C-alpha cells in the first residue's frame, strides 16, 4: 500500500503548528497504524529529518497512550478499538490519512501528536481511590455483591483514560471519564466511605482543569474504545447532587443545633 499522510507537526504548546505531508510507501495491510508510523519515522531518520512524535506503550489496547485523531475520529474509523489495534487494511491504497493530536485546552500539546493528559491523573488523585482495608483477595471476594452490580462496576472500570471522549466532544468534556471512575467505586461496598466526598472532589478537579460541560450529544460514548456508557454520567450526577443536598442538610442541622 502507498498512502499520503497529513500529519500535525507542532514543536510545543506555545508554538503554532501545521500539517505536513508525508508519503508512506510499501505499507503492509497487516501492519498496525503505529507500525506504519514507525516505518515512516525510520525513513525520516534516514533522511536526517526529525521523526514524528506520538505516544505509545503497550500496543495491546490496554494503556490508552496511543491517542491519535485519525480522519476525524479518535483512534480512527473503527469502533471499540485503540489506535494500536487499528490495522492498515482498514484503509485503501492511495488514500490520504489526516492525523492530529487530541484537541482540548486541558490536553496541551507536548510535541506533534503527543499531548499532556496529566489532568486526568490529577482528577483521579482527587478522589478515585478507597481508604478502607479490603483485606486479602479471599476476604474481598467474600463480600456479597449482586452480579448485575458487579458487572456494571467492572464495565465502568474498563476505562483506560485515553481521552477519546474528550477529543470527540464538541465541548471537550471529561464527564464520561470522570463518571466511569466515580461509578466503578460508588457501586461497590468498598467505595462507600468516600462516596460523597469523592464525587465532589473529582468534579471540582475536572472543572479546575478546564474541561467543558456535557451537553449529552453522545459523541463520547460513540467513540470510546472500551464502550463506556453514558449511564455513568447519570449515576455521577445523581451522586453529585445527593452529596450537595446531604452537605446542605448537615450544615442546616449543625446551625440549628438539631
Protein backbone atom coordinates (compact mmCIF):
# COMPACT_ATOMS: atom_id res chain seq x y z
CA UNK A 1 0.00 0.00 0.00
CA UNK A 2 1.11 3.54 -0.75
CA UNK A 3 -0.50 6.28 1.31
CA UNK A 4 -0.37 10.04 1.78
CA UNK A 5 -0.22 11.24 5.39
CA UNK A 6 -1.14 14.74 6.51
CA UNK A 7 0.41 14.90 9.97
CA UNK A 8 0.11 17.69 12.51
CA UNK A 9 3.59 18.92 13.49
CA UNK A 10 3.98 21.27 16.46
CA UNK A 11 7.11 21.96 18.49
CA UNK A 12 5.22 22.59 21.74
CA UNK A 13 2.04 24.12 23.15
CA UNK A 14 3.40 27.67 22.77
CA UNK A 15 4.30 27.40 19.10
CA UNK A 16 1.84 27.39 16.22
CA UNK A 17 1.56 24.03 14.47
CA UNK A 18 0.74 23.00 10.90
CA UNK A 19 0.03 19.95 8.77
CA UNK A 20 2.97 18.42 6.94
CA UNK A 21 2.51 15.91 4.12
CA UNK A 22 4.46 12.63 4.06
CA UNK A 23 4.43 9.56 1.86
CA UNK A 24 4.00 6.16 3.46
CA UNK A 25 5.20 3.65 0.86
CA UNK A 26 5.18 -0.13 0.68
CA UNK A 27 2.98 -0.46 3.75
CA UNK A 28 1.69 -3.93 4.56
CA UNK A 29 -2.09 -4.16 5.15
CA UNK A 30 -1.30 -6.32 8.20
CA UNK A 31 0.63 -3.56 9.94
CA UNK A 32 -0.94 -1.72 12.84
CA UNK A 33 -1.31 2.05 12.49
CA UNK A 34 1.57 2.61 14.89
CA UNK A 35 3.79 0.20 12.97
CA UNK A 36 3.05 2.23 9.87
CA UNK A 37 4.17 5.38 11.69
CA UNK A 38 7.31 3.53 12.79
CA UNK A 39 8.13 2.82 9.14
CA UNK A 40 7.57 6.48 8.22
CA UNK A 41 9.77 7.61 11.11
CA UNK A 42 12.56 5.25 10.04
CA UNK A 43 12.55 6.82 6.59
CA UNK A 44 12.59 10.32 8.11
CA UNK A 45 15.53 9.46 10.35
CA UNK A 46 17.49 8.00 7.42
CA UNK A 47 16.96 11.30 5.57
CA UNK A 48 18.12 13.29 8.59
CA UNK A 49 14.67 14.67 9.37
CA UNK A 50 13.06 14.77 12.80
CA UNK A 51 10.68 11.85 13.40
CA UNK A 52 7.01 12.31 14.19
CA UNK A 53 6.39 12.30 17.93
CA UNK A 54 3.46 10.23 19.18
CA UNK A 55 2.55 8.42 22.40
CA UNK A 56 2.57 4.63 22.71
CA UNK A 57 3.30 1.99 25.30
CA UNK A 58 1.65 -1.45 25.47
CA UNK A 59 0.41 -1.60 21.87
CA UNK A 60 -2.22 -4.08 23.08
CA UNK A 61 -5.21 -1.79 23.62
CA UNK A 62 -4.66 -1.63 27.38
CA UNK A 63 -2.75 1.51 28.34
CA UNK A 64 -4.62 4.19 26.35
CA UNK A 65 -1.45 6.00 25.35
CA UNK A 66 -1.86 5.71 21.55
CA UNK A 67 -4.23 8.65 21.33
CA UNK A 68 -4.42 9.87 17.73
CA UNK A 69 -7.21 11.68 15.91
CA UNK A 70 -7.41 9.90 12.55
CA UNK A 71 -9.60 11.11 9.67
CA UNK A 72 -11.92 12.90 12.08
CA UNK A 73 -12.23 10.09 14.63
CA UNK A 74 -10.40 9.42 17.91
CA UNK A 75 -8.43 6.19 17.39
CA UNK A 76 -9.58 6.03 13.77
CA UNK A 77 -12.71 4.99 11.88
CA UNK A 78 -13.37 1.60 13.50
CA UNK A 79 -15.42 1.14 16.67
CA UNK A 80 -14.26 -0.16 20.06
CA UNK A 81 -10.52 -0.23 19.32
CA UNK A 82 -7.50 1.88 20.17
CA UNK A 83 -5.07 3.24 17.57
CA UNK A 84 -2.61 0.41 18.17
CA UNK A 85 -5.38 -2.08 17.32
CA UNK A 86 -6.20 -0.31 14.06
CA UNK A 87 -4.74 -2.18 11.08
CA UNK A 88 -3.81 -0.65 7.76
CA UNK A 89 -6.19 -2.97 5.89
CA UNK A 90 -8.88 -0.57 7.13
CA UNK A 91 -7.61 1.93 4.57
CA UNK A 92 -7.29 1.79 0.78
CA UNK A 93 -4.23 2.00 -1.42
CA UNK A 94 -3.62 5.61 -2.44
CA UNK A 95 -5.77 7.02 0.38
CA UNK A 96 -4.95 10.25 2.22
CA UNK A 97 -4.97 9.97 6.00
CA UNK A 98 -5.17 13.02 8.27
CA UNK A 99 -3.54 12.55 11.70
CA UNK A 100 -3.97 15.03 14.55
CA UNK A 101 -3.47 15.18 18.32
CA UNK A 102 -6.33 15.44 20.81
CA UNK A 103 -7.79 18.96 20.61
CA UNK A 104 -8.57 20.22 24.13
CA UNK A 105 -7.32 23.10 26.27
CA UNK A 106 -6.86 20.66 29.15
CA UNK A 107 -4.64 18.48 26.92
CA UNK A 108 -1.84 20.85 25.83
CA UNK A 109 0.41 19.62 23.05
CA UNK A 110 3.78 18.30 24.21
CA UNK A 111 5.06 17.82 20.68
CA UNK A 112 3.43 16.90 17.37
CA UNK A 113 0.81 14.24 18.15
CA UNK A 114 1.67 13.79 21.85
CA UNK A 115 -0.41 15.68 24.40
CA UNK A 116 -0.18 16.15 28.16
CA UNK A 117 -3.02 14.20 29.80
CA UNK A 118 -1.80 14.63 33.37
CA UNK A 119 -5.08 16.46 34.07
CA UNK A 120 -6.69 13.01 34.13
CA UNK A 121 -4.14 11.91 36.73
CA UNK A 122 -4.97 14.88 38.94
CA UNK A 123 -8.69 14.14 38.72
CA UNK A 124 -8.03 10.53 39.70
CA UNK A 125 -5.82 11.62 42.58
CA UNK A 126 -8.54 13.95 43.85
CA UNK A 127 -10.79 11.05 44.83
CA UNK A 128 -10.51 7.95 42.69
CA UNK A 129 -9.41 5.66 45.48
CA UNK A 130 -10.66 3.82 48.56
CA UNK A 131 -9.14 4.02 52.03
CA UNK A 132 -11.00 1.07 53.52
CA UNK A 133 -8.91 -2.04 54.22
CA UNK A 134 -10.37 -4.68 51.89
CA UNK A 135 -8.22 -7.46 53.28
CA UNK A 136 -6.69 -10.19 51.17
CA UNK A 137 -8.29 -11.37 47.94
CA UNK A 138 -10.36 -14.07 49.65
CA UNK A 139 -11.83 -11.57 52.13
CA UNK A 140 -12.63 -9.05 49.41
CA UNK A 141 -14.33 -11.69 47.27
CA UNK A 142 -16.44 -12.79 50.24
CA UNK A 143 -18.37 -9.50 50.24
CA UNK A 144 -21.78 -10.29 48.68
CA UNK A 145 -22.35 -8.11 45.62
CA UNK A 146 -25.21 -8.79 43.16
CA UNK A 147 -23.82 -9.92 39.81
CA UNK A 148 -25.61 -7.22 37.84
CA UNK A 149 -23.95 -4.54 40.01
CA UNK A 150 -20.56 -6.24 39.90
CA UNK A 151 -20.80 -6.44 36.10
CA UNK A 152 -21.69 -2.75 35.80
CA UNK A 153 -18.84 -1.77 38.12
CA UNK A 154 -16.43 -3.87 36.05
CA UNK A 155 -17.70 -2.33 32.81
CA UNK A 156 -17.05 1.15 34.20
CA UNK A 157 -13.61 0.09 35.41
CA UNK A 158 -12.56 -0.85 31.86
CA UNK A 159 -11.99 2.85 31.11
CA UNK A 160 -8.31 3.22 30.15
CA UNK A 161 -8.20 7.01 30.44
CA UNK A 162 -7.15 7.56 26.83
CA UNK A 163 -9.13 10.79 26.45
CA UNK A 164 -11.05 9.80 23.31
CA UNK A 165 -14.24 11.02 25.00
CA UNK A 166 -12.71 14.48 25.41
CA UNK A 167 -11.41 14.53 21.84
CA UNK A 168 -14.80 13.51 20.44
CA UNK A 169 -16.83 16.02 22.47
CA UNK A 170 -17.53 19.40 20.87
CA UNK A 171 -17.13 20.90 24.36
CA UNK A 172 -14.02 18.87 25.28
CA UNK A 173 -15.91 17.48 28.26
CA UNK A 174 -14.34 14.85 30.52
CA UNK A 175 -17.66 13.74 32.01
CA UNK A 176 -17.53 10.20 30.61
CA UNK A 177 -14.05 9.57 32.01
CA UNK A 178 -14.80 11.09 35.41
CA UNK A 179 -18.17 9.37 35.72
CA UNK A 180 -16.63 5.97 34.93
CA UNK A 181 -14.01 6.46 37.64
CA UNK A 182 -16.66 7.65 40.12
CA UNK A 183 -19.25 4.99 39.29
CA UNK A 184 -16.92 1.99 39.45
CA UNK A 185 -16.33 2.75 43.15
CA UNK A 186 -19.78 4.10 44.01
CA UNK A 187 -21.35 0.77 43.03
CA UNK A 188 -19.21 -1.31 45.39
CA UNK A 189 -19.22 -1.62 49.20
CA UNK A 190 -15.53 -0.72 49.35
CA UNK A 191 -16.26 2.66 47.77
CA UNK A 192 -18.96 3.81 50.18
CA UNK A 193 -16.89 5.58 52.91
CA UNK A 194 -15.72 8.31 50.49
CA UNK A 195 -18.69 8.15 48.14
CA UNK A 196 -19.98 11.69 48.71
CA UNK A 197 -16.63 13.41 49.15
CA UNK A 198 -15.18 11.55 46.16
CA UNK A 199 -17.71 12.75 43.59
CA UNK A 200 -17.47 16.37 44.76
CA UNK A 201 -13.67 16.35 44.78
CA UNK A 202 -13.32 14.76 41.35
CA UNK A 203 -15.91 17.01 39.71
CA UNK A 204 -14.27 20.08 41.29
CA UNK A 205 -10.88 19.00 39.93
CA UNK A 206 -12.38 18.33 36.50
CA UNK A 207 -13.73 21.89 36.42
CA UNK A 208 -10.43 23.30 37.67
CA UNK A 209 -8.59 21.58 34.81
CA UNK A 210 -10.65 23.48 32.25
CA UNK A 211 -12.72 20.72 30.66
CA UNK A 212 -16.01 21.77 29.04
CA UNK A 213 -19.55 20.92 30.08
CA UNK A 214 -21.54 17.91 28.92
CA UNK A 215 -24.45 18.61 26.57
CA UNK A 216 -25.43 14.96 26.04
CA UNK A 217 -24.61 14.72 22.34
CA UNK A 218 -23.32 11.18 22.86
CA UNK A 219 -20.11 11.51 20.83
CA UNK A 220 -18.09 10.35 23.84
CA UNK A 221 -19.87 7.01 24.10
CA UNK A 222 -19.80 6.51 20.32
CA UNK A 223 -16.02 6.97 20.12
CA UNK A 224 -14.95 5.29 23.38
CA UNK A 225 -12.65 2.33 22.58
CA UNK A 226 -13.93 0.48 25.66
CA UNK A 227 -17.60 1.36 25.03
CA UNK A 228 -18.14 3.10 28.38
CA UNK A 229 -21.82 4.01 28.68
CA UNK A 230 -23.29 7.47 29.27
CA UNK A 231 -25.41 5.98 32.05
CA UNK A 232 -22.32 6.54 34.19
CA UNK A 233 -22.82 10.28 33.74
CA UNK A 234 -26.36 9.99 35.10
CA UNK A 235 -25.10 7.99 38.07
CA UNK A 236 -22.39 10.55 38.78
CA UNK A 237 -24.81 13.48 38.51
CA UNK A 238 -27.19 11.74 40.90
CA UNK A 239 -24.37 11.20 43.42
CA UNK A 240 -23.14 14.76 42.99
CA UNK A 241 -26.50 16.36 43.72
CA UNK A 242 -27.17 13.89 46.54
CA UNK A 243 -23.83 14.84 48.07
CA UNK A 244 -24.68 18.53 47.81
CA UNK A 245 -28.08 18.01 49.44
CA UNK A 246 -26.53 15.87 52.17
CA UNK A 247 -23.97 18.58 52.89
CA UNK A 248 -26.58 21.35 52.97
CA UNK A 249 -28.80 19.35 55.29
CA UNK A 250 -25.84 18.61 57.56
CA UNK A 251 -24.90 22.32 57.69
CA UNK A 252 -28.51 23.27 58.43
CA UNK A 253 -28.78 20.73 61.25
CA UNK A 254 -25.47 21.89 62.72
CA UNK A 255 -26.52 25.56 62.56
CA UNK A 256 -29.90 24.90 64.17
CA UNK A 257 -28.41 22.65 66.83
CA UNK A 258 -30.54 19.68 65.83
